C-alpha atoms as a PDB file:
ATOM      1  CA  MET A   1      94.396  55.308  56.859  1.00  0.00           C
ATOM      2  CA  THR A   2      91.234  57.308  56.213  1.00  0.00           C
ATOM      3  CA  ARG A   3      88.695  57.503  59.021  1.00  0.00           C
ATOM      4  CA  PRO A   4      85.575  59.228  57.606  1.00  0.00           C
ATOM      5  CA  PHE A   5      83.750  59.459  60.919  1.00  0.00           C
ATOM      6  CA  SER A   6      86.796  60.799  62.777  1.00  0.00           C
ATOM      7  CA  ASP A   7      87.310  63.441  60.104  1.00  0.00           C
ATOM      8  CA  ALA A   8      83.653  64.466  60.153  1.00  0.00           C
ATOM      9  CA  ALA A   9      83.390  64.537  63.961  1.00  0.00           C
ATOM     10  CA  GLY A  10      86.710  66.299  64.439  1.00  0.00           C
ATOM     11  CA  VAL A  11      88.106  63.667  66.800  1.00  0.00           C
ATOM     12  CA  ALA A  12      91.219  61.512  66.747  1.00  0.00           C
ATOM     13  CA  CYS A  13      91.614  57.901  67.767  1.00  0.00           C
ATOM     14  CA  ARG A  14      91.318  57.683  71.559  1.00  0.00           C
ATOM     15  CA  GLY A  15      90.505  61.396  71.574  1.00  0.00           C
ATOM     16  CA  TYR A  16      87.567  63.457  72.829  1.00  0.00           C
ATOM     17  CA  SER A  17      85.476  65.939  70.877  1.00  0.00           C
ATOM     18  CA  LEU A  18      85.638  69.593  71.956  1.00  0.00           C
ATOM     19  CA  PRO A  19      81.974  69.650  73.120  1.00  0.00           C
ATOM     20  CA  PHE A  20      82.648  66.603  75.305  1.00  0.00           C
ATOM     21  CA  GLN A  21      85.901  68.121  76.590  1.00  0.00           C
ATOM     22  CA  ARG A  22      83.906  71.195  77.578  1.00  0.00           C
ATOM     23  CA  ARG A  23      81.548  69.080  79.666  1.00  0.00           C
ATOM     24  CA  ILE A  24      84.449  67.212  81.273  1.00  0.00           C
ATOM     25  CA  THR A  25      86.143  70.541  82.057  1.00  0.00           C
ATOM     26  CA  ASP A  26      82.938  71.928  83.582  1.00  0.00           C
ATOM     27  CA  PHE A  27      82.834  68.997  86.000  1.00  0.00           C
ATOM     28  CA  GLY A  28      86.593  68.878  86.619  1.00  0.00           C
ATOM     29  CA  SER A  29      86.877  72.591  87.411  1.00  0.00           C
ATOM     30  CA  GLU A  30      84.179  72.434  90.088  1.00  0.00           C
ATOM     31  CA  LYS A  31      85.050  69.320  92.074  1.00  0.00           C
ATOM     32  CA  ALA A  32      87.675  66.659  92.684  1.00  0.00           C
ATOM     33  CA  PHE A  33      88.666  64.779  89.537  1.00  0.00           C
ATOM     34  CA  GLU A  34      87.460  61.442  90.906  1.00  0.00           C
ATOM     35  CA  ARG A  35      84.032  62.908  91.659  1.00  0.00           C
ATOM     36  CA  ALA A  36      83.998  64.541  88.235  1.00  0.00           C
ATOM     37  CA  SER A  37      84.716  61.142  86.672  1.00  0.00           C
ATOM     38  CA  ARG A  38      81.709  59.660  88.470  1.00  0.00           C
ATOM     39  CA  GLN A  39      79.554  62.601  87.364  1.00  0.00           C
ATOM     40  CA  VAL A  40      80.501  62.041  83.715  1.00  0.00           C
ATOM     41  CA  LYS A  41      79.420  58.419  84.132  1.00  0.00           C
ATOM     42  CA  GLU A  42      76.142  59.493  85.750  1.00  0.00           C
ATOM     43  CA  HIS A  43      75.249  62.039  83.055  1.00  0.00           C
ATOM     44  CA  TYR A  44      76.631  60.422  79.902  1.00  0.00           C
ATOM     45  CA  ASP A  45      77.116  56.755  80.847  1.00  0.00           C
ATOM     46  CA  LEU A  46      80.759  56.912  79.772  1.00  0.00           C
ATOM     47  CA  ASP A  47      83.706  55.651  81.803  1.00  0.00           C
ATOM     48  CA  ILE A  48      86.372  58.378  81.976  1.00  0.00           C
ATOM     49  CA  SER A  49      89.259  57.876  84.378  1.00  0.00           C
ATOM     50  CA  PRO A  50      90.083  60.598  86.950  1.00  0.00           C
ATOM     51  CA  SER A  51      93.523  61.002  85.363  1.00  0.00           C
ATOM     52  CA  THR A  52      91.896  61.769  81.997  1.00  0.00           C
ATOM     53  CA  VAL A  53      89.583  64.305  83.631  1.00  0.00           C
ATOM     54  CA  ARG A  54      92.627  65.930  85.228  1.00  0.00           C
ATOM     55  CA  ARG A  55      94.607  65.997  81.986  1.00  0.00           C
ATOM     56  CA  ILE A  56      91.781  67.580  79.968  1.00  0.00           C
ATOM     57  CA  THR A  57      90.763  70.084  82.673  1.00  0.00           C
ATOM     58  CA  GLN A  58      94.302  71.238  83.396  1.00  0.00           C
ATOM     59  CA  GLY A  59      95.135  71.401  79.694  1.00  0.00           C
ATOM     60  CA  HIS A  60      92.280  73.811  79.015  1.00  0.00           C
ATOM     61  CA  GLY A  61      93.178  75.770  82.146  1.00  0.00           C
ATOM     62  CA  GLU A  62      96.722  76.311  80.861  1.00  0.00           C
ATOM     63  CA  ARG A  63      95.421  77.480  77.497  1.00  0.00           C
ATOM     64  CA  VAL A  64      92.970  79.891  79.136  1.00  0.00           C
ATOM     65  CA  GLN A  65      95.730  81.335  81.310  1.00  0.00           C
ATOM     66  CA  ASP A  66      97.783  82.214  78.223  1.00  0.00           C
ATOM     67  CA  HIS A  67      94.836  83.605  76.235  1.00  0.00           C
ATOM     68  CA  PRO A  68      95.746  86.999  74.695  1.00  0.00           C
ATOM     69  CA  GLU A  69      92.483  88.606  75.857  1.00  0.00           C
ATOM     70  CA  LEU A  70      93.495  88.105  79.479  1.00  0.00           C
ATOM     71  CA  THR A  71      96.779  89.950  79.022  1.00  0.00           C
ATOM     72  CA  GLN A  72      95.940  92.550  76.374  1.00  0.00           C
ATOM     73  CA  GLY A  73      92.369  93.616  77.124  1.00  0.00           C
ATOM     74  CA  ARG A  74      89.763  94.568  74.554  1.00  0.00           C
ATOM     75  CA  ALA A  75      91.634  97.082  72.438  1.00  0.00           C
ATOM     76  CA  ASN A  76      88.642  97.509  70.120  1.00  0.00           C
ATOM     77  CA  LYS A  77      86.060  98.294  72.786  1.00  0.00           C
ATOM     78  CA  GLU A  78      84.181 101.369  71.541  1.00  0.00           C
ATOM     79  CA  THR A  79      83.215 102.902  74.901  1.00  0.00           C
ATOM     80  CA  CYS A  80      85.041 102.824  78.218  1.00  0.00           C
ATOM     81  CA  ALA A  81      83.372 101.774  81.452  1.00  0.00           C
ATOM     82  CA  GLN A  82      82.337 104.582  83.801  1.00  0.00           C
ATOM     83  CA  GLN A  83      82.250 102.504  86.994  1.00  0.00           C
ATOM     84  CA  LEU A  84      83.589  99.037  87.809  1.00  0.00           C
ATOM     85  CA  ILE A  85      83.141  96.882  90.894  1.00  0.00           C
ATOM     86  CA  ALA A  86      86.217  94.886  91.941  1.00  0.00           C
ATOM     87  CA  GLU A  87      86.377  92.161  94.592  1.00  0.00           C
ATOM     88  CA  THR A  88      88.967  89.656  95.756  1.00  0.00           C
ATOM     89  CA  ASP A  89      89.437  87.181  98.590  1.00  0.00           C
ATOM     90  CA  GLY A  90      91.524  84.161  99.510  1.00  0.00           C
ATOM     91  CA  THR A  91      90.965  80.727 100.976  1.00  0.00           C
ATOM     92  CA  MET A  92      93.104  77.739 101.904  1.00  0.00           C
ATOM     93  CA  ILE A  93      92.932  74.571  99.823  1.00  0.00           C
ATOM     94  CA  PRO A  94      94.519  71.169 100.506  1.00  0.00           C
ATOM     95  CA  THR A  95      97.381  70.174  98.219  1.00  0.00           C
ATOM     96  CA  VAL A  96      99.089  66.873  97.454  1.00  0.00           C
ATOM     97  CA  THR A  97     102.625  66.701  96.049  1.00  0.00           C
ATOM     98  CA  THR A  98     104.918  63.849  95.068  1.00  0.00           C
ATOM     99  CA  ASP A  99     108.598  63.681  94.186  1.00  0.00           C
ATOM    100  CA  ALA A 100     108.805  63.999  90.386  1.00  0.00           C
ATOM    101  CA  ASN A 101     112.359  62.574  90.462  1.00  0.00           C
ATOM    102  CA  CYS A 102     111.332  59.399  92.250  1.00  0.00           C
ATOM    103  CA  GLU A 103     112.080  56.365  90.080  1.00  0.00           C
ATOM    104  CA  GLY A 104     109.819  54.021  92.035  1.00  0.00           C
ATOM    105  CA  ASP A 105     106.264  54.395  93.296  1.00  0.00           C
ATOM    106  CA  ARG A 106     105.699  58.149  93.579  1.00  0.00           C
ATOM    107  CA  ARG A 107     102.754  57.537  95.887  1.00  0.00           C
ATOM    108  CA  LYS A 108     105.254  56.697  98.627  1.00  0.00           C
ATOM    109  CA  THR A 109     106.588  60.274  98.438  1.00  0.00           C
ATOM    110  CA  ARG A 110     103.116  61.776  98.813  1.00  0.00           C
ATOM    111  CA  GLN A 111     102.964  64.884 101.003  1.00  0.00           C
ATOM    112  CA  VAL A 112      99.788  66.702 102.047  1.00  0.00           C
ATOM    113  CA  GLY A 113      99.807  70.442 102.688  1.00  0.00           C
ATOM    114  CA  TRP A 114      97.821  73.645 102.369  1.00  0.00           C
ATOM    115  CA  LYS A 115      98.093  76.566  99.958  1.00  0.00           C
ATOM    116  CA  GLU A 116      96.201  79.826  99.658  1.00  0.00           C
ATOM    117  CA  VAL A 117      94.282  80.408  96.454  1.00  0.00           C
ATOM    118  CA  ARG A 118      92.983  83.905  95.699  1.00  0.00           C
ATOM    119  CA  LEU A 119      89.960  84.628  93.514  1.00  0.00           C
ATOM    120  CA  SER A 120      89.295  88.042  91.962  1.00  0.00           C
ATOM    121  CA  LEU A 121      86.475  89.412  89.864  1.00  0.00           C
ATOM    122  CA  VAL A 122      85.681  92.702  88.151  1.00  0.00           C
ATOM    123  CA  TYR A 123      82.424  93.704  86.485  1.00  0.00           C
ATOM    124  CA  GLU A 124      80.817  96.845  85.135  1.00  0.00           C
ATOM    125  CA  HIS A 125      78.123  98.466  87.245  1.00  0.00           C
ATOM    126  CA  GLY A 126      74.781  96.958  86.207  1.00  0.00           C
ATOM    127  CA  SER A 127      76.374  93.981  84.459  1.00  0.00           C
ATOM    128  CA  THR A 128      75.859  90.319  85.361  1.00  0.00           C
ATOM    129  CA  GLU A 129      78.946  89.080  83.496  1.00  0.00           C
ATOM    130  CA  PRO A 130      82.065  89.462  85.680  1.00  0.00           C
ATOM    131  CA  ILE A 131      85.604  88.698  84.541  1.00  0.00           C
ATOM    132  CA  PHE A 132      87.276  86.209  86.899  1.00  0.00           C
ATOM    133  CA  ALA A 133      90.918  85.510  87.707  1.00  0.00           C
ATOM    134  CA  THR A 134      92.545  83.196  90.227  1.00  0.00           C
ATOM    135  CA  THR A 135      96.065  82.471  91.428  1.00  0.00           C
ATOM    136  CA  THR A 136      98.059  80.623  94.036  1.00  0.00           C
ATOM    137  CA  GLY A 137     100.829  83.170  93.564  1.00  0.00           C
ATOM    138  CA  SER A 138     101.735  86.263  95.541  1.00  0.00           C
ATOM    139  CA  THR A 139      99.407  89.145  96.383  1.00  0.00           C
ATOM    140  CA  ASP A 140     101.150  91.214  93.707  1.00  0.00           C
ATOM    141  CA  VAL A 141      99.869  88.718  91.144  1.00  0.00           C
ATOM    142  CA  VAL A 142      96.362  89.466  92.439  1.00  0.00           C
ATOM    143  CA  GLY A 143      96.895  93.177  91.825  1.00  0.00           C
ATOM    144  CA  ASP A 144      98.103  92.476  88.301  1.00  0.00           C
ATOM    145  CA  GLN A 145      95.082  90.272  87.651  1.00  0.00           C
ATOM    146  CA  LEU A 146      92.657  92.916  88.956  1.00  0.00           C
ATOM    147  CA  ALA A 147      94.156  95.508  86.620  1.00  0.00           C
ATOM    148  CA  CYS A 148      94.033  93.029  83.728  1.00  0.00           C
ATOM    149  CA  CYS A 149      90.366  92.151  84.355  1.00  0.00           C
ATOM    150  CA  ALA A 150      89.467  95.844  84.473  1.00  0.00           C
ATOM    151  CA  SER A 151      91.356  96.390  81.222  1.00  0.00           C
ATOM    152  CA  VAL A 152      89.424  93.571  79.571  1.00  0.00           C
ATOM    153  CA  ILE A 153      86.139  95.272  80.462  1.00  0.00           C
ATOM    154  CA  GLY A 154      87.287  98.684  79.297  1.00  0.00           C
ATOM    155  CA  MET A 155      88.863 100.726  82.093  1.00  0.00           C
ATOM    156  CA  ASP A 156      90.524 104.009  81.242  1.00  0.00           C
ATOM    157  CA  ARG A 157      91.777 106.969  83.305  1.00  0.00           C
ATOM    158  CA  GLN A 158      88.231 108.248  83.817  1.00  0.00           C
ATOM    159  CA  THR A 159      86.834 104.959  85.157  1.00  0.00           C
ATOM    160  CA  MET A 160      85.961 104.855  88.862  1.00  0.00           C
ATOM    161  CA  ILE A 161      86.575 101.597  90.739  1.00  0.00           C
ATOM    162  CA  HIS A 162      84.355 100.526  93.643  1.00  0.00           C
ATOM    163  CA  ALA A 163      86.541  98.017  95.519  1.00  0.00           C
ATOM    164  CA  VAL A 164      85.074  95.595  98.078  1.00  0.00           C
ATOM    165  CA  GLY A 165      86.789  93.204 100.486  1.00  0.00           C
ATOM    166  CA  ASP A 166      87.203  92.042 104.055  1.00  0.00           C
ATOM    167  CA  GLY A 167      89.727  93.335 106.584  1.00  0.00           C
ATOM    168  CA  ALA A 168      92.780  91.483 105.261  1.00  0.00           C
ATOM    169  CA  THR A 169      95.396  94.201 104.732  1.00  0.00           C
ATOM    170  CA  TRP A 170      96.680  92.792 101.432  1.00  0.00           C
ATOM    171  CA  ILE A 171      93.301  93.409  99.744  1.00  0.00           C
ATOM    172  CA  PRO A 172      93.172  97.244  99.991  1.00  0.00           C
ATOM    173  CA  ASP A 173      96.929  97.289  99.342  1.00  0.00           C
ATOM    174  CA  GLN A 174      96.464  95.533  96.001  1.00  0.00           C
ATOM    175  CA  MET A 175      93.359  97.552  95.100  1.00  0.00           C
ATOM    176  CA  ASP A 176      95.430 100.683  95.680  1.00  0.00           C
ATOM    177  CA  ARG A 177      98.324  99.227  93.672  1.00  0.00           C
ATOM    178  CA  ALA A 178      96.061  98.259  90.767  1.00  0.00           C
ATOM    179  CA  PHE A 179      93.816 101.327  90.609  1.00  0.00           C
ATOM    180  CA  GLY A 180      95.367 104.085  92.750  1.00  0.00           C
ATOM    181  CA  ALA A 181      93.284 107.228  93.152  1.00  0.00           C
ATOM    182  CA  GLN A 182      90.624 105.862  90.788  1.00  0.00           C
ATOM    183  CA  SER A 183      89.339 103.515  93.501  1.00  0.00           C
ATOM    184  CA  ARG A 184      87.586 103.705  96.846  1.00  0.00           C
ATOM    185  CA  PHE A 185      87.654 100.710  99.188  1.00  0.00           C
ATOM    186  CA  LEU A 186      84.596  99.447 101.056  1.00  0.00           C
ATOM    187  CA  ILE A 187      84.822  97.051 104.002  1.00  0.00           C
ATOM    188  CA  ASP A 188      82.555  94.083 103.383  1.00  0.00           C
ATOM    189  CA  PHE A 189      79.507  94.559 105.640  1.00  0.00           C
ATOM    190  CA  TYR A 190      79.016  90.782 105.765  1.00  0.00           C
ATOM    191  CA  HIS A 191      82.365  90.225 107.505  1.00  0.00           C
ATOM    192  CA  LEU A 192      81.734  93.029 109.977  1.00  0.00           C
ATOM    193  CA  SER A 193      78.355  91.479 110.775  1.00  0.00           C
ATOM    194  CA  ASP A 194      80.093  88.172 111.545  1.00  0.00           C
ATOM    195  CA  TYR A 195      82.066  89.877 114.332  1.00  0.00           C
ATOM    196  CA  LEU A 196      78.991  91.691 115.653  1.00  0.00           C
ATOM    197  CA  ALA A 197      76.952  88.471 115.617  1.00  0.00           C
ATOM    198  CA  ALA A 198      79.622  86.621 117.614  1.00  0.00           C
ATOM    199  CA  ALA A 199      79.686  89.436 120.181  1.00  0.00           C
ATOM    200  CA  SER A 200      75.909  89.815 120.384  1.00  0.00           C
ATOM    201  CA  LYS A 201      75.379  86.769 122.617  1.00  0.00           C
ATOM    202  CA  SER A 202      77.646  88.317 125.249  1.00  0.00           C
ATOM    203  CA  CYS A 203      75.950  91.712 125.044  1.00  0.00           C
ATOM    204  CA  SER A 204      72.210  91.024 125.233  1.00  0.00           C
ATOM    205  CA  ALA A 205      69.691  88.324 126.012  1.00  0.00           C
ATOM    206  CA  ASP A 206      67.848  89.361 122.861  1.00  0.00           C
ATOM    207  CA  HIS A 207      70.992  89.086 120.760  1.00  0.00           C
ATOM    208  CA  ARG A 208      69.188  89.250 117.410  1.00  0.00           C
ATOM    209  CA  ALA A 209      67.601  92.600 118.195  1.00  0.00           C
ATOM    210  CA  TRP A 210      70.948  93.846 119.541  1.00  0.00           C
ATOM    211  CA  LEU A 211      72.715  92.776 116.362  1.00  0.00           C
ATOM    212  CA  LYS A 212      70.175  94.511 114.143  1.00  0.00           C
ATOM    213  CA  GLU A 213      70.484  97.718 116.163  1.00  0.00           C
ATOM    214  CA  GLN A 214      74.289  97.773 115.849  1.00  0.00           C
ATOM    215  CA  GLN A 215      74.109  97.035 112.120  1.00  0.00           C
ATOM    216  CA  GLU A 216      71.782  99.999 111.607  1.00  0.00           C
ATOM    217  CA  ARG A 217      74.123 102.206 113.629  1.00  0.00           C
ATOM    218  CA  MET A 218      77.033 101.178 111.461  1.00  0.00           C
ATOM    219  CA  LYS A 219      75.124 101.956 108.272  1.00  0.00           C
ATOM    220  CA  THR A 220      74.421 105.498 109.500  1.00  0.00           C
ATOM    221  CA  GLY A 221      77.980 106.171 110.659  1.00  0.00           C
ATOM    222  CA  GLU A 222      77.430 105.791 114.425  1.00  0.00           C
ATOM    223  CA  ILE A 223      80.650 103.849 114.934  1.00  0.00           C
ATOM    224  CA  GLY A 224      81.326 105.503 118.291  1.00  0.00           C
ATOM    225  CA  ALA A 225      77.961 104.377 119.673  1.00  0.00           C
ATOM    226  CA  VAL A 226      78.664 100.781 118.658  1.00  0.00           C
ATOM    227  CA  ILE A 227      82.096 100.878 120.313  1.00  0.00           C
ATOM    228  CA  ALA A 228      80.623 102.346 123.513  1.00  0.00           C
ATOM    229  CA  THR A 229      78.018  99.573 123.624  1.00  0.00           C
ATOM    230  CA  LEU A 230      80.641  96.883 123.101  1.00  0.00           C
ATOM    231  CA  GLU A 231      82.921  98.325 125.791  1.00  0.00           C
ATOM    232  CA  LEU A 232      80.170  97.828 128.392  1.00  0.00           C
ATOM    233  CA  HIS A 233      80.545  94.073 127.876  1.00  0.00           C
ATOM    234  CA  LEU A 234      84.299  93.801 127.247  1.00  0.00           C
ATOM    235  CA  GLU A 235      85.783  90.606 128.665  1.00  0.00           C
ATOM    236  CA  PRO A 236      88.475  90.816 131.393  1.00  0.00           C
ATOM    237  CA  SER A 237      92.074  90.604 130.211  1.00  0.00           C
ATOM    238  CA  SER A 238      92.349  87.210 131.930  1.00  0.00           C
ATOM    239  CA  VAL A 239      89.980  85.715 129.320  1.00  0.00           C
ATOM    240  CA  GLN A 240      91.749  84.128 126.350  1.00  0.00           C
ATOM    241  CA  ASP A 241      91.211  85.716 122.930  1.00  0.00           C
ATOM    242  CA  GLN A 242      89.417  82.669 121.550  1.00  0.00           C
ATOM    243  CA  ASP A 243      86.819  83.055 124.312  1.00  0.00           C
ATOM    244  CA  ALA A 244      86.435  86.829 123.974  1.00  0.00           C
ATOM    245  CA  PRO A 245      84.159  87.672 120.986  1.00  0.00           C
ATOM    246  CA  VAL A 246      83.493  91.229 122.235  1.00  0.00           C
ATOM    247  CA  ARG A 247      87.218  91.970 122.392  1.00  0.00           C
ATOM    248  CA  ALA A 248      87.691  90.534 118.909  1.00  0.00           C
ATOM    249  CA  CYS A 249      84.867  92.670 117.546  1.00  0.00           C
ATOM    250  CA  LEU A 250      86.262  95.837 119.133  1.00  0.00           C
ATOM    251  CA  ARG A 251      89.716  95.079 117.780  1.00  0.00           C
ATOM    252  CA  TYR A 252      88.347  94.555 114.272  1.00  0.00           C
ATOM    253  CA  ILE A 253      86.337  97.795 114.284  1.00  0.00           C
ATOM    254  CA  ARG A 254      89.187  99.891 115.647  1.00  0.00           C
ATOM    255  CA  LYS A 255      91.702  98.430 113.247  1.00  0.00           C
ATOM    256  CA  GLU A 256      89.643  98.413 110.070  1.00  0.00           C
ATOM    257  CA  LEU A 257      87.142 101.261 110.433  1.00  0.00           C
ATOM    258  CA  CYS A 258      88.469 103.893 112.807  1.00  0.00           C
ATOM    259  CA  VAL A 259      92.193 104.254 112.179  1.00  0.00           C
ATOM    260  CA  PRO A 260      92.982 106.406 109.111  1.00  0.00           C
ATOM    261  CA  HIS A 261      94.483 104.465 106.198  1.00  0.00           C
ATOM    262  CA  SER A 262      96.390 105.523 103.107  1.00  0.00           C
ATOM    263  CA  HIS A 263      93.394 104.192 101.148  1.00  0.00           C
ATOM    264  CA  PRO A 264      90.056 105.173 102.774  1.00  0.00           C
ATOM    265  CA  LYS A 265      87.958 102.302 104.067  1.00  0.00           C
ATOM    266  CA  LEU A 266      84.278 103.159 104.001  1.00  0.00           C
ATOM    267  CA  LEU A 267      81.249 101.386 105.373  1.00  0.00           C
ATOM    268  CA  ASN A 268      78.335 103.317 103.902  1.00  0.00           C
ATOM    269  CA  THR A 269      79.137 105.854 106.609  1.00  0.00           C
ATOM    270  CA  GLN A 270      79.836 109.559 106.696  1.00  0.00           C
ATOM    271  CA  ALA A 271      82.903 109.326 108.933  1.00  0.00           C
ATOM    272  CA  ASP A 272      86.015 107.148 108.830  1.00  0.00           C
ATOM    273  CA  THR A 273      87.287 107.952 112.336  1.00  0.00           C
ATOM    274  CA  CYS A 274      85.918 107.789 115.864  1.00  0.00           C
ATOM    275  CA  SER A 275      86.801 109.911 118.885  1.00  0.00           C
ATOM    276  CA  LEU A 276      86.557 106.867 121.161  1.00  0.00           C
ATOM    277  CA  CYS A 277      89.366 105.046 119.381  1.00  0.00           C
ATOM    278  CA  PRO A 278      92.871 105.313 120.857  1.00  0.00           C
ATOM    279  CA  ALA A 279      95.300 107.376 118.829  1.00  0.00           C
ATOM    280  CA  ASP A 280      98.184 105.635 117.079  1.00  0.00           C
END
């Protein structure tokens, strides 16, 4: 049977055009499939079931994952990047699984759990177009993805990598694994400031001014002065960790900023170690 409109529009019976699939995928990749279904209805006045949104979104996700550019890089790139910025982090997401071998109602085998998903990005210095990668796999997969993203942009042996992350040990480990001596790792100032902000209310009545002062000290490499200030307000050992923000802040600074690492951790400072920190 000839269907002139279907042939001209590039759609099959009960199918969806590629431009419409793109819009469905945009919604489905950002929010729950049921919410995405409602958003399609709101924007285009079309009733698309959540299962259809899931099928289309996941189908395009699988094709993107196997795209040659993500595994081979840009072999024809004329010039190599001089400096790249690489970042990665993880977060927990809720998961729902059912028994695929169940012959009855699979909803009765529904189990809710949590799984860590890790997002990475790499971009050239001065660029606003990062290359993204994500996985629920091991940390080694993250390292492989970081190297792949850098390859896509145009990394060679002369490229310097500016790596950024929080204090999770797997992050500098994978940056080192992916880039080796070509990279330098920078502790995320935002995460450090979270610890200082939590401690500030125990250290000064004017906690905002105190926080700003410690942040400026950190930026100029005065780690020892910050530690000395925190130690004046250290909670007694009888106080539980969850109620001891000063202790938590001290522990974070000593662990992440003052103890020498195989891969240097910098903080816009001129020194990585502090004489006030206990020796290993």
